């Protein structure tokens, strides 16, 4: 099986779960100054990365969201670093006016949104 066919099959098999995870993350209000919300997003991301075999660590922070570090040992020579952020630009309370809508969902290679 070609790589693109394998990847397509994998995505098709996990699409429902990934959309559920996307909804779970979107529905956690995590404005930059909302430490509790950002920490909840971090906990979900750590859970998901540990689910695929990574070892997770939470580095507590006082004023802003905790930092999450996940590692995966491998046999290769190279290393990969993925850096991201857990907060959003939307103030807490925005979700009630702009909820995640999963049905009907429209998906493109770079976006998923509800109508």
N, C-alpha and C. Protein backbone atom coordinates (compact mmCIF):
# COMPACT_ATOMS: atom_id res chain seq x y z
N UNK A 1 0.84 -1.17 0.00
CA UNK A 1 0.00 0.00 0.00
C UNK A 1 0.89 1.24 0.00
N UNK A 2 0.56 2.22 -0.82
CA UNK A 2 1.33 3.45 -0.88
C UNK A 2 1.13 4.27 0.39
N UNK A 3 2.11 5.13 0.68
CA UNK A 3 2.04 5.94 1.89
C UNK A 3 0.80 6.81 1.90
N UNK A 4 0.46 7.45 0.77
CA UNK A 4 -0.71 8.32 0.76
C UNK A 4 -2.00 7.52 1.00
N UNK A 5 -2.05 6.28 0.52
CA UNK A 5 -3.22 5.44 0.78
C UNK A 5 -3.28 5.04 2.25
N UNK A 6 -2.13 4.73 2.82
CA UNK A 6 -2.08 4.38 4.24
C UNK A 6 -2.50 5.55 5.10
N UNK A 7 -2.00 6.73 4.78
CA UNK A 7 -2.36 7.92 5.53
C UNK A 7 -3.84 8.23 5.39
N UNK A 8 -4.36 8.13 4.20
CA UNK A 8 -5.80 8.37 3.97
C UNK A 8 -6.64 7.38 4.76
N UNK A 9 -6.24 6.13 4.79
CA UNK A 9 -6.97 5.12 5.54
C UNK A 9 -6.92 5.41 7.04
N UNK A 10 -5.75 5.82 7.52
CA UNK A 10 -5.60 6.15 8.93
C UNK A 10 -6.51 7.33 9.29
N UNK A 11 -6.47 8.37 8.49
CA UNK A 11 -7.29 9.55 8.77
C UNK A 11 -8.77 9.19 8.75
N UNK A 12 -9.18 8.43 7.77
CA UNK A 12 -10.59 8.02 7.69
C UNK A 12 -10.99 7.22 8.93
N UNK A 13 -10.09 6.40 9.42
CA UNK A 13 -10.38 5.58 10.59
C UNK A 13 -10.38 6.34 11.90
N UNK A 14 -9.77 7.50 11.95
CA UNK A 14 -9.69 8.27 13.19
C UNK A 14 -10.41 9.61 13.12
N UNK A 15 -11.04 9.89 12.00
CA UNK A 15 -11.66 11.20 11.81
C UNK A 15 -12.68 11.53 12.91
N UNK A 16 -13.54 10.61 13.24
CA UNK A 16 -14.56 10.88 14.27
C UNK A 16 -13.91 11.19 15.61
N UNK A 17 -12.90 10.42 15.97
CA UNK A 17 -12.20 10.66 17.23
C UNK A 17 -11.48 12.00 17.22
N UNK A 18 -10.83 12.33 16.11
CA UNK A 18 -10.10 13.60 16.01
C UNK A 18 -11.06 14.79 16.04
N UNK A 19 -12.22 14.66 15.41
CA UNK A 19 -13.21 15.74 15.48
C UNK A 19 -13.72 15.90 16.91
N UNK A 20 -13.87 14.78 17.62
CA UNK A 20 -14.26 14.84 19.03
C UNK A 20 -13.21 15.54 19.87
N UNK A 21 -11.94 15.23 19.60
CA UNK A 21 -10.85 15.89 20.32
C UNK A 21 -10.82 17.37 19.99
N UNK A 22 -10.99 17.72 18.72
CA UNK A 22 -11.03 19.12 18.32
C UNK A 22 -12.14 19.85 19.07
N UNK A 23 -13.32 19.23 19.14
CA UNK A 23 -14.43 19.86 19.85
C UNK A 23 -14.10 20.01 21.34
N UNK A 24 -13.53 18.98 21.94
CA UNK A 24 -13.16 19.05 23.36
C UNK A 24 -12.22 20.22 23.61
N UNK A 25 -11.22 20.38 22.75
CA UNK A 25 -10.25 21.47 22.92
C UNK A 25 -10.89 22.84 22.69
N UNK A 26 -11.69 22.95 21.64
CA UNK A 26 -12.33 24.23 21.33
C UNK A 26 -13.25 24.66 22.46
N UNK A 27 -13.91 23.71 23.10
CA UNK A 27 -14.87 24.05 24.14
C UNK A 27 -14.25 24.33 25.50
N UNK A 28 -12.93 24.30 25.58
CA UNK A 28 -12.23 24.74 26.79
C UNK A 28 -11.81 26.19 26.54
N UNK A 29 -12.43 27.10 27.23
CA UNK A 29 -12.05 28.50 27.03
C UNK A 29 -10.68 28.70 27.67
N UNK A 30 -9.75 29.15 26.88
CA UNK A 30 -8.35 29.20 27.33
C UNK A 30 -7.69 30.52 26.93
N UNK A 31 -8.36 31.61 27.25
CA UNK A 31 -7.78 32.92 26.98
C UNK A 31 -6.45 33.02 27.71
N UNK A 32 -5.52 33.76 27.16
CA UNK A 32 -4.15 33.82 27.67
C UNK A 32 -4.07 34.06 29.17
N UNK A 33 -4.93 34.92 29.72
CA UNK A 33 -4.86 35.24 31.15
C UNK A 33 -5.72 34.31 32.01
N UNK A 34 -6.35 33.31 31.41
CA UNK A 34 -7.17 32.35 32.13
C UNK A 34 -6.33 31.10 32.40
N UNK A 35 -5.55 31.14 33.49
CA UNK A 35 -4.63 30.05 33.79
C UNK A 35 -5.35 28.71 33.89
N UNK A 36 -6.51 28.68 34.53
CA UNK A 36 -7.24 27.43 34.67
C UNK A 36 -7.62 26.82 33.33
N UNK A 37 -8.09 27.65 32.40
CA UNK A 37 -8.46 27.16 31.07
C UNK A 37 -7.25 26.66 30.30
N UNK A 38 -6.17 27.42 30.35
CA UNK A 38 -4.96 27.00 29.64
C UNK A 38 -4.42 25.71 30.24
N UNK A 39 -4.49 25.58 31.56
CA UNK A 39 -4.04 24.33 32.20
C UNK A 39 -4.91 23.15 31.78
N UNK A 40 -6.22 23.37 31.61
CA UNK A 40 -7.10 22.28 31.16
C UNK A 40 -6.75 21.83 29.74
N UNK A 41 -6.44 22.79 28.86
CA UNK A 41 -6.01 22.43 27.51
C UNK A 41 -4.71 21.62 27.58
N UNK A 42 -3.79 22.07 28.41
CA UNK A 42 -2.52 21.36 28.57
C UNK A 42 -2.73 19.94 29.06
N UNK A 43 -3.66 19.75 29.99
CA UNK A 43 -3.93 18.41 30.51
C UNK A 43 -4.49 17.50 29.40
N UNK A 44 -5.35 18.04 28.54
CA UNK A 44 -5.89 17.25 27.43
C UNK A 44 -4.77 16.89 26.46
N UNK A 45 -3.93 17.85 26.13
CA UNK A 45 -2.83 17.57 25.20
C UNK A 45 -1.87 16.54 25.78
N UNK A 46 -1.56 16.67 27.05
CA UNK A 46 -0.68 15.68 27.68
C UNK A 46 -1.32 14.30 27.64
N UNK A 47 -2.61 14.23 27.97
CA UNK A 47 -3.33 12.95 27.93
C UNK A 47 -3.24 12.31 26.55
N UNK A 48 -3.46 13.11 25.53
CA UNK A 48 -3.46 12.58 24.16
C UNK A 48 -2.06 12.14 23.73
N UNK A 49 -1.06 12.89 24.10
CA UNK A 49 0.31 12.52 23.72
C UNK A 49 0.77 11.28 24.50
N UNK A 50 0.35 11.17 25.74
CA UNK A 50 0.66 9.95 26.50
C UNK A 50 -0.08 8.75 25.93
N UNK A 51 -1.27 8.97 25.41
CA UNK A 51 -2.06 7.90 24.81
C UNK A 51 -1.34 7.26 23.63
N UNK A 52 -0.51 8.06 22.93
CA UNK A 52 0.23 7.50 21.79
C UNK A 52 1.66 7.09 22.17
N UNK A 53 1.92 7.02 23.48
CA UNK A 53 3.18 6.46 23.93
C UNK A 53 4.24 7.43 24.41
N UNK A 54 3.95 8.71 24.42
CA UNK A 54 4.94 9.66 24.91
C UNK A 54 4.90 9.72 26.43
N UNK A 55 6.01 10.16 27.00
CA UNK A 55 6.09 10.36 28.44
C UNK A 55 5.89 11.85 28.70
N UNK A 56 4.87 12.18 29.48
CA UNK A 56 4.52 13.58 29.72
C UNK A 56 4.99 14.10 31.05
N UNK A 57 5.21 15.40 31.07
CA UNK A 57 5.62 16.10 32.29
C UNK A 57 4.94 17.47 32.29
N UNK A 58 4.40 17.86 33.43
CA UNK A 58 3.81 19.19 33.58
C UNK A 58 4.77 20.04 34.39
N UNK A 59 5.12 21.19 33.86
CA UNK A 59 6.01 22.13 34.54
C UNK A 59 5.14 23.28 35.05
N UNK A 60 4.81 23.27 36.35
CA UNK A 60 3.90 24.27 36.90
C UNK A 60 4.42 25.70 36.73
N UNK A 61 3.50 26.59 36.43
CA UNK A 61 3.79 28.02 36.29
C UNK A 61 2.86 28.78 37.25
N UNK A 62 3.32 29.89 37.74
CA UNK A 62 2.54 30.66 38.71
C UNK A 62 1.44 31.50 38.07
N UNK A 63 1.81 32.34 37.12
CA UNK A 63 0.88 33.34 36.60
C UNK A 63 0.12 32.89 35.35
N UNK A 64 0.77 32.11 34.52
CA UNK A 64 0.14 31.70 33.27
C UNK A 64 0.04 30.18 33.23
N UNK A 65 -0.47 29.66 32.13
CA UNK A 65 -0.66 28.22 32.01
C UNK A 65 0.62 27.42 32.19
N UNK A 66 0.45 26.22 32.75
CA UNK A 66 1.59 25.31 32.93
C UNK A 66 2.18 24.93 31.58
N UNK A 67 3.46 24.62 31.60
CA UNK A 67 4.12 24.13 30.39
C UNK A 67 4.04 22.61 30.38
N UNK A 68 3.84 22.06 29.20
CA UNK A 68 3.74 20.62 29.03
C UNK A 68 4.93 20.17 28.18
N UNK A 69 5.65 19.17 28.67
CA UNK A 69 6.78 18.61 27.92
C UNK A 69 6.48 17.12 27.75
N UNK A 70 6.50 16.66 26.51
CA UNK A 70 6.29 15.24 26.23
C UNK A 70 7.46 14.74 25.39
N UNK A 71 7.95 13.57 25.75
CA UNK A 71 9.11 13.00 25.06
C UNK A 71 8.80 11.60 24.55
N UNK A 72 9.47 11.27 23.46
CA UNK A 72 9.37 9.93 22.88
C UNK A 72 10.77 9.49 22.49
N UNK A 73 11.21 8.41 23.07
CA UNK A 73 12.52 7.88 22.70
C UNK A 73 12.40 7.12 21.39
N UNK A 74 13.47 7.14 20.64
CA UNK A 74 13.47 6.42 19.37
C UNK A 74 14.86 5.96 19.03
N UNK A 75 14.95 5.20 17.98
CA UNK A 75 16.23 4.64 17.58
C UNK A 75 16.93 5.43 16.49
N UNK A 76 16.31 6.49 16.01
CA UNK A 76 16.90 7.27 14.93
C UNK A 76 17.99 8.20 15.40
N UNK A 77 18.69 8.79 14.46
CA UNK A 77 19.78 9.71 14.78
C UNK A 77 19.29 11.13 15.00
N UNK A 78 18.21 11.50 14.37
CA UNK A 78 17.73 12.87 14.45
C UNK A 78 16.82 13.10 15.64
N UNK A 79 16.50 14.37 15.84
CA UNK A 79 15.57 14.78 16.89
C UNK A 79 14.54 15.71 16.28
N UNK A 80 13.38 15.72 16.88
CA UNK A 80 12.31 16.60 16.44
C UNK A 80 11.82 17.38 17.65
N UNK A 81 11.62 18.67 17.48
CA UNK A 81 11.06 19.51 18.53
C UNK A 81 9.80 20.15 17.97
N UNK A 82 8.72 19.98 18.67
CA UNK A 82 7.46 20.61 18.29
C UNK A 82 7.09 21.57 19.40
N UNK A 83 6.89 22.83 19.06
CA UNK A 83 6.56 23.85 20.04
C UNK A 83 5.22 24.46 19.64
N UNK A 84 4.35 24.66 20.61
CA UNK A 84 3.06 25.26 20.33
C UNK A 84 2.59 26.05 21.54
N UNK A 85 1.41 26.60 21.43
CA UNK A 85 0.82 27.31 22.57
C UNK A 85 -0.56 26.73 22.85
N UNK A 86 -1.03 26.92 24.08
CA UNK A 86 -2.27 26.31 24.52
C UNK A 86 -3.40 27.32 24.70
N UNK A 87 -3.08 28.60 24.61
CA UNK A 87 -4.09 29.62 24.83
C UNK A 87 -4.73 30.06 23.53
N UNK A 88 -5.83 30.79 23.66
CA UNK A 88 -6.52 31.34 22.50
C UNK A 88 -6.53 32.87 22.61
N UNK A 89 -6.95 33.51 21.55
CA UNK A 89 -7.02 34.97 21.56
C UNK A 89 -8.40 35.46 22.00
N UNK A 90 -9.32 34.54 22.23
CA UNK A 90 -10.71 34.92 22.54
C UNK A 90 -10.91 34.99 24.04
N UNK A 91 -11.48 36.09 24.54
CA UNK A 91 -11.73 36.22 25.98
C UNK A 91 -12.70 35.16 26.48
N UNK A 92 -12.55 34.79 27.76
CA UNK A 92 -13.46 33.84 28.38
C UNK A 92 -14.88 34.36 28.24
N UNK A 93 -15.80 33.50 27.83
CA UNK A 93 -17.19 33.87 27.61
C UNK A 93 -17.57 33.90 26.14
N UNK A 94 -16.56 33.90 25.26
CA UNK A 94 -16.82 33.96 23.83
C UNK A 94 -17.54 32.71 23.33
N UNK A 95 -17.29 31.59 23.95
CA UNK A 95 -17.84 30.31 23.48
C UNK A 95 -19.37 30.32 23.43
N UNK A 96 -20.01 31.02 24.36
CA UNK A 96 -21.48 31.03 24.36
C UNK A 96 -22.03 31.73 23.12
N UNK A 97 -21.29 32.69 22.57
CA UNK A 97 -21.73 33.39 21.37
C UNK A 97 -21.19 32.76 20.08
N UNK A 98 -20.15 31.94 20.22
CA UNK A 98 -19.49 31.38 19.05
C UNK A 98 -19.15 29.91 19.33
N UNK A 99 -20.17 29.07 19.46
CA UNK A 99 -19.93 27.67 19.86
C UNK A 99 -19.34 26.83 18.73
N UNK A 100 -18.73 25.75 19.15
CA UNK A 100 -18.27 24.75 18.19
C UNK A 100 -19.51 24.05 17.66
N UNK A 101 -19.58 23.90 16.37
CA UNK A 101 -20.70 23.18 15.75
C UNK A 101 -20.10 22.06 14.92
N UNK A 102 -20.45 20.85 15.26
CA UNK A 102 -19.84 19.73 14.55
C UNK A 102 -20.71 19.18 13.43
N UNK A 103 -21.98 19.51 13.39
CA UNK A 103 -22.84 18.99 12.34
C UNK A 103 -23.70 20.09 11.78
N UNK A 104 -23.78 20.27 10.50
CA UNK A 104 -22.90 19.61 9.55
C UNK A 104 -21.54 20.27 9.56
N UNK A 105 -20.53 19.48 9.52
CA UNK A 105 -19.17 20.01 9.52
C UNK A 105 -18.63 20.07 8.09
N UNK A 106 -17.85 21.07 7.85
CA UNK A 106 -17.17 21.20 6.57
C UNK A 106 -15.69 21.09 6.85
N UNK A 107 -15.00 20.28 6.09
CA UNK A 107 -13.57 20.12 6.31
C UNK A 107 -12.83 20.29 5.00
N UNK A 108 -11.71 21.01 5.09
CA UNK A 108 -10.76 21.11 4.00
C UNK A 108 -9.43 20.70 4.58
N UNK A 109 -8.43 20.68 3.75
CA UNK A 109 -7.11 20.28 4.22
C UNK A 109 -6.64 21.17 5.36
N UNK A 110 -7.02 22.44 5.38
CA UNK A 110 -6.49 23.35 6.40
C UNK A 110 -7.52 23.87 7.39
N UNK A 111 -8.80 23.43 7.32
CA UNK A 111 -9.82 23.96 8.21
C UNK A 111 -10.94 22.97 8.48
N UNK A 112 -11.54 23.13 9.66
CA UNK A 112 -12.78 22.41 9.99
C UNK A 112 -13.69 23.43 10.66
N UNK A 113 -14.93 23.51 10.24
CA UNK A 113 -15.85 24.45 10.86
C UNK A 113 -17.26 23.94 10.74
N UNK A 114 -18.13 24.45 11.58
CA UNK A 114 -19.54 24.07 11.54
C UNK A 114 -20.37 25.18 10.95
N UNK A 115 -21.57 24.84 10.57
CA UNK A 115 -22.47 25.85 10.02
C UNK A 115 -23.73 25.92 10.83
